[in-house]
Every structure is written in structure tokens, then in C-alpha cells.
Amino acid sequence: MIVLLKKFLILVWRIWFYVLVAVPIIIMFPVLLVLSSSDRLYPQFFWVARNVWANIILYGMGFVPRIDRQQKMEKGKSYMLIANHTSMTDIMLMLKASPNPFVFVGKKELVKIPVFGFFYKRVCIMVDRNSAGSRTAVYKRAQKRLHQGLSVCIFPEGGVPDEDILLDKFKDGAFRLAIQHQIPIVPMVFYDNKRRFPYDFFEGSLGLMRVKKLRFIETNGHASIDKNHIREKCWSVIYDELSR
């Protein structure tokens, strides 16, 4: 009986997550529609997503973000943001972790999520990982955003790995872009998201969501030939922190 009650409460809590994702978007729809209509207005769209939408979801679910910074980001500077990918809440936590406006590069399947998918398609860079043409288009769109002074966020594992994998191998895209544009890479570690809100529908818990922004990895002076070295260095610093 206790087990059934626990599962029922978690089910209600899970449904509440989707309510928190959708309802603020519906309420703010006219504002978000205007702010997503032009690249020039994207910083304002990002401000709303970070300071309103993400806060409503995280705190409304009983999650308390705590961000530890080994190095601060400079206002107006572009970065490549990367982190281990563990949960749907990674999106909200990444928004909280970066004061600098950035654009997500993510899988096109998220467009199918009602309400959320509408704006995801308008402001994010979507990738079909099975299409070489799509990956090329993503690269060009990311370049455009970086030229506009924005940062870019890529979860370099390419998806959420299986439960028994602490950190999957990284794909090349984030590091190729960072080197070409000579921008610093900001490695981040999400310690708790998998435990707080895993993909197992009847698991999860309230509590802290800790983020550690590790020291930036510079790409200035590096060339494309150094891509593998930079990629493995980023993987190692995140893996070592997760393993502690």
C-alpha cells in the first residue's frame, strides 16, 4: 500500500512538471512570440526564459539550484557551454547557470513536445543526428549566433546515456566550433539531476541541484588539428569531477 501511494504521489509530481513547463509559456505567449520574432530581441527572450520560466519549474518542483563557479563569465563575451546530460531538467539548470545569453543546440524530437516545442523550434538550433546535411546546417546556424555575440550550449554526449554510464563519449561538434571561433569552453558538472528527475517515470526526489562551473578551457591559438585533444581534455575534467 505504501509503495502504491509513493508511486501515485510521484506520478502526480511528474504531471505537475509538465504543467509547470507549459502553463507559464501559455500565459506569456504574446510576449514570448514578440521576443522570439527577431534575433535582435533574443537576449530579452533569454532573460525571460532564465529568470521566469526556469525559476518557476525548478522551484515549483522543489528543486533548489546551487551554482559553484571556479571562474566567472565575462559579460558580452561568447562561450561554448557544455555539461553532462542526465535529465529533462538539464535545460532549466543550464539556463540558471549562465548569465550570458546562449542558444541551445538540441535534437529535433523536442519540437514534438506541446507548447514548449513551438518556441524551441523558433529560438534553438535543431539537429537531426542521422542526417549529415542537418549537422552541416547546424554548424552554419551556430556560427551565425556566435557572430551575433551569443554563446552556444551543446550537450556533447549527444543524448542522455544509459543509467550505468557515468559519462558517455563526447562528439566533435562543440569543440570544432569553439576552436574555429577561438572561444573558451565552459565545462559544467550537473551532479544531482539524474537522481532528482531521472527518465524512470516513478523515480525522483526534491532537493538540491548542484552545478559546478569548472575552469574554462581556452581554445585561443589552437587549430582544428587540436580538436581531439581539446575534446578529451573536456571529457576528463568533467569525468574526474563526477567520479569524486
Protein backbone atom coordinates (compact mmCIF):
# COMPACT_ATOMS: atom_id res chain seq x y z
CA MET A 1 0.00 0.00 0.00
CA ILE A 2 2.82 2.41 0.92
CA VAL A 3 4.63 1.59 -2.32
CA LEU A 4 1.49 2.28 -4.37
CA LEU A 5 0.92 5.57 -2.54
CA LYS A 6 4.51 6.63 -3.22
CA LYS A 7 4.14 5.82 -6.91
CA PHE A 8 0.88 7.75 -7.07
CA LEU A 9 2.45 10.82 -5.47
CA ILE A 10 5.43 10.68 -7.82
CA LEU A 11 3.03 10.33 -10.76
CA VAL A 12 1.19 13.49 -9.68
CA TRP A 13 4.52 15.25 -9.16
CA ARG A 14 5.66 14.21 -12.63
CA ILE A 15 2.48 15.52 -14.21
CA TRP A 16 2.99 18.75 -12.26
CA PHE A 17 6.35 19.15 -14.03
CA TYR A 18 4.67 19.27 -17.43
CA VAL A 19 2.09 21.72 -16.08
CA LEU A 20 4.91 23.99 -14.90
CA VAL A 21 6.63 23.71 -18.28
CA ALA A 22 3.51 24.57 -20.29
CA VAL A 23 1.37 27.00 -18.26
CA PRO A 24 3.92 29.85 -17.98
CA ILE A 25 4.52 29.63 -21.72
CA ILE A 26 0.78 29.81 -22.39
CA ILE A 27 0.37 32.79 -20.05
CA MET A 28 3.35 34.63 -21.55
CA PHE A 29 2.63 33.54 -25.12
CA PRO A 30 2.14 37.02 -26.65
CA VAL A 31 5.33 38.34 -25.02
CA LEU A 32 7.36 35.28 -26.00
CA LEU A 33 6.01 35.42 -29.54
CA VAL A 34 7.23 39.00 -29.95
CA LEU A 35 10.62 38.33 -28.30
CA SER A 36 11.23 35.27 -30.46
CA SER A 37 10.34 37.07 -33.69
CA SER A 38 13.75 38.68 -34.16
CA ASP A 39 17.36 37.75 -33.44
CA ARG A 40 17.79 41.28 -32.09
CA LEU A 41 15.29 40.55 -29.29
CA TYR A 42 16.76 37.19 -28.33
CA PRO A 43 18.63 38.49 -25.24
CA GLN A 44 15.28 39.63 -23.83
CA PHE A 45 13.73 36.24 -24.64
CA PHE A 46 16.64 34.58 -22.86
CA TRP A 47 16.13 36.80 -19.79
CA VAL A 48 12.50 35.70 -19.51
CA ALA A 49 13.41 32.03 -20.02
CA ARG A 50 16.16 32.20 -17.39
CA ASN A 51 14.59 34.39 -14.71
CA VAL A 52 10.93 33.47 -15.03
CA TRP A 53 10.34 30.13 -16.79
CA ALA A 54 13.31 28.20 -15.38
CA ASN A 55 12.71 29.51 -11.85
CA ILE A 56 9.03 28.54 -11.92
CA ILE A 57 9.89 24.98 -12.96
CA LEU A 58 12.85 24.37 -10.68
CA TYR A 59 11.46 25.89 -7.51
CA GLY A 60 7.92 24.73 -8.33
CA MET A 61 9.21 21.15 -8.44
CA GLY A 62 11.04 21.52 -5.14
CA PHE A 63 14.49 21.76 -6.69
CA VAL A 64 16.99 24.26 -5.31
CA PRO A 65 19.79 25.16 -7.75
CA ARG A 66 23.20 25.83 -6.24
CA ILE A 67 25.94 27.02 -8.58
CA ASP A 68 29.63 26.90 -7.71
CA ARG A 69 31.86 28.90 -10.06
CA GLN A 70 35.59 28.32 -10.34
CA GLN A 71 35.74 31.10 -12.93
CA LYS A 72 33.28 33.84 -13.84
CA MET A 73 31.98 34.51 -17.33
CA GLU A 74 32.56 37.98 -18.73
CA LYS A 75 29.52 39.98 -19.74
CA GLY A 76 29.20 40.33 -23.52
CA LYS A 77 31.66 37.55 -24.29
CA SER A 78 30.81 34.36 -26.20
CA TYR A 79 31.45 30.89 -24.78
CA MET A 80 30.83 27.26 -25.61
CA LEU A 81 28.84 25.77 -22.73
CA ILE A 82 28.99 22.00 -22.18
CA ALA A 83 27.83 19.65 -19.43
CA ASN A 84 26.98 16.03 -18.74
CA HIS A 85 23.45 15.23 -19.95
CA THR A 86 21.28 13.49 -17.38
CA SER A 87 17.68 14.70 -17.32
CA MET A 88 14.99 16.90 -18.88
CA THR A 89 15.79 19.41 -16.12
CA ASP A 90 19.25 19.98 -17.63
CA ILE A 91 17.69 22.67 -19.84
CA MET A 92 16.39 24.70 -16.90
CA LEU A 93 19.54 24.25 -14.85
CA MET A 94 21.75 25.34 -17.73
CA LEU A 95 19.66 28.50 -18.06
CA LYS A 96 20.27 29.23 -14.39
CA ALA A 97 23.99 28.50 -14.66
CA SER A 98 24.76 31.04 -17.41
CA PRO A 99 24.10 34.77 -17.06
CA ASN A 100 25.29 35.23 -20.65
CA PRO A 101 22.60 34.69 -23.30
CA PHE A 102 23.14 31.46 -25.20
CA VAL A 103 21.38 29.28 -27.75
CA PHE A 104 20.81 25.57 -27.26
CA VAL A 105 21.78 23.07 -29.93
CA GLY A 106 19.47 20.09 -29.41
CA LYS A 107 17.68 17.20 -31.03
CA LYS A 108 14.76 17.96 -33.31
CA GLU A 109 12.49 15.48 -31.49
CA LEU A 110 11.88 18.09 -28.76
CA VAL A 111 9.75 20.04 -31.24
CA LYS A 112 7.03 17.42 -30.65
CA ILE A 113 6.54 18.50 -27.01
CA PRO A 114 3.27 20.50 -26.90
CA VAL A 115 3.62 24.26 -26.27
CA PHE A 116 7.33 24.02 -25.43
CA GLY A 117 8.13 22.71 -28.91
CA PHE A 118 6.67 25.78 -30.61
CA PHE A 119 9.25 28.13 -29.10
CA TYR A 120 12.00 25.54 -29.10
CA LYS A 121 11.74 25.48 -32.88
CA ARG A 122 11.85 29.29 -33.09
CA VAL A 123 14.86 30.01 -30.89
CA CYS A 124 17.00 26.86 -30.67
CA ILE A 125 19.22 25.18 -33.22
CA MET A 126 17.79 21.77 -34.04
CA VAL A 127 19.84 18.85 -35.24
CA ASP A 128 18.88 15.56 -36.86
CA ARG A 129 21.78 13.39 -35.74
CA ASN A 130 21.06 10.88 -38.53
CA SER A 131 21.49 13.47 -41.26
CA ALA A 132 24.87 14.78 -42.40
CA GLY A 133 23.11 17.68 -44.12
CA SER A 134 21.39 18.64 -40.87
CA ARG A 135 24.70 18.65 -38.99
CA THR A 136 26.19 21.00 -41.61
CA ALA A 137 23.20 23.35 -41.33
CA VAL A 138 23.53 23.35 -37.54
CA TYR A 139 27.16 24.34 -37.84
CA LYS A 140 26.27 27.35 -40.02
CA ARG A 141 23.45 28.50 -37.73
CA ALA A 142 25.69 28.22 -34.68
CA GLN A 143 28.33 30.32 -36.45
CA LYS A 144 25.70 32.99 -37.12
CA ARG A 145 24.70 33.09 -33.45
CA LEU A 146 28.31 33.36 -32.32
CA HIS A 147 28.86 36.24 -34.74
CA GLN A 148 25.90 37.96 -33.05
CA GLY A 149 27.76 37.82 -29.74
CA LEU A 150 25.75 34.99 -28.20
CA SER A 151 27.10 31.83 -26.60
CA VAL A 152 26.19 28.30 -27.62
CA CYS A 153 25.26 25.33 -25.42
CA ILE A 154 25.80 21.77 -26.60
CA PHE A 155 25.48 18.60 -24.52
CA PRO A 156 28.39 16.80 -26.21
CA GLU A 157 27.32 13.27 -25.30
CA GLY A 158 24.65 13.68 -27.97
CA GLY A 159 21.87 12.44 -25.69
CA VAL A 160 21.22 11.04 -22.23
CA PRO A 161 23.37 7.92 -21.74
CA ASP A 162 22.19 4.67 -20.15
CA GLU A 163 21.94 4.56 -16.36
CA ASP A 164 25.15 2.54 -15.99
CA ILE A 165 27.25 5.06 -17.95
CA LEU A 166 28.66 7.88 -15.83
CA LEU A 167 29.75 9.97 -18.81
CA ASP A 168 29.45 8.92 -22.44
CA LYS A 169 31.98 9.72 -25.15
CA PHE A 170 31.84 13.27 -26.49
CA LYS A 171 31.01 14.12 -30.10
CA ASP A 172 33.09 16.65 -32.02
CA GLY A 173 30.70 19.50 -32.85
CA ALA A 174 31.11 21.69 -29.76
CA PHE A 175 34.89 21.56 -29.89
CA ARG A 176 35.14 22.14 -33.62
CA LEU A 177 33.01 25.29 -33.27
CA ALA A 178 34.86 26.54 -30.22
CA ILE A 179 38.23 26.20 -31.92
CA GLN A 180 37.10 27.82 -35.14
CA HIS A 181 35.76 30.85 -33.25
CA GLN A 182 38.54 30.82 -30.66
CA ILE A 183 36.05 31.00 -27.78
CA PRO A 184 36.55 29.49 -24.30
CA ILE A 185 34.81 26.25 -23.41
CA VAL A 186 32.94 26.26 -20.09
CA PRO A 187 32.75 22.68 -18.72
CA MET A 188 29.97 22.19 -16.19
CA VAL A 189 29.07 19.29 -13.95
CA PHE A 190 25.44 18.51 -13.08
CA TYR A 191 25.69 16.30 -10.01
CA ASP A 192 22.09 15.70 -8.98
CA ASN A 193 19.73 15.94 -11.96
CA LYS A 194 19.73 12.21 -12.69
CA ARG A 195 18.73 11.47 -9.11
CA ARG A 196 16.26 14.35 -8.78
CA PHE A 197 14.41 13.83 -12.08
CA PRO A 198 15.52 10.70 -13.96
CA TYR A 199 13.87 9.28 -17.05
CA ASP A 200 12.43 6.47 -14.91
CA PHE A 201 8.90 7.84 -14.53
CA PHE A 202 8.36 6.59 -10.97
CA GLU A 203 11.64 7.84 -9.53
CA GLY A 204 12.85 11.24 -8.38
CA SER A 205 13.10 13.46 -5.32
CA LEU A 206 13.08 17.04 -4.10
CA GLY A 207 16.30 18.74 -3.07
CA LEU A 208 19.48 20.45 -4.19
CA MET A 209 20.56 20.60 -7.83
CA ARG A 210 24.26 21.35 -7.71
CA VAL A 211 26.21 22.75 -10.64
CA LYS A 212 29.96 23.25 -10.75
CA LYS A 213 31.35 25.52 -13.45
CA LEU A 214 34.91 24.32 -13.88
CA ARG A 215 37.78 26.47 -15.04
CA PHE A 216 37.44 27.42 -18.68
CA ILE A 217 39.39 25.57 -21.34
CA GLU A 218 40.87 28.05 -23.76
CA THR A 219 40.92 27.44 -27.50
CA ASN A 220 42.80 30.61 -28.41
CA GLY A 221 45.82 29.67 -30.52
CA HIS A 222 44.55 26.16 -31.21
CA ALA A 223 43.75 24.84 -34.68
CA SER A 224 41.36 22.17 -35.93
CA ILE A 225 44.13 19.61 -35.62
CA ASP A 226 43.88 20.04 -31.83
CA LYS A 227 40.17 19.15 -31.74
CA ASN A 228 40.62 15.65 -30.32
CA HIS A 229 42.97 16.87 -27.62
CA ILE A 230 40.54 19.60 -26.52
CA ARG A 231 37.61 17.18 -26.60
CA GLU A 232 39.39 14.60 -24.45
CA LYS A 233 40.57 17.27 -22.02
CA CYS A 234 36.98 18.47 -21.53
CA TRP A 235 35.74 14.91 -21.08
CA SER A 236 38.44 14.19 -18.50
CA VAL A 237 37.79 17.23 -16.31
CA ILE A 238 34.04 16.52 -16.18
CA TYR A 239 34.54 12.79 -15.61
CA ASP A 240 37.07 13.36 -12.85
CA GLU A 241 34.67 15.73 -11.05
CA LEU A 242 31.74 13.31 -11.40
CA SER A 243 33.87 10.44 -10.09
CA ARG A 244 34.70 12.13 -6.80
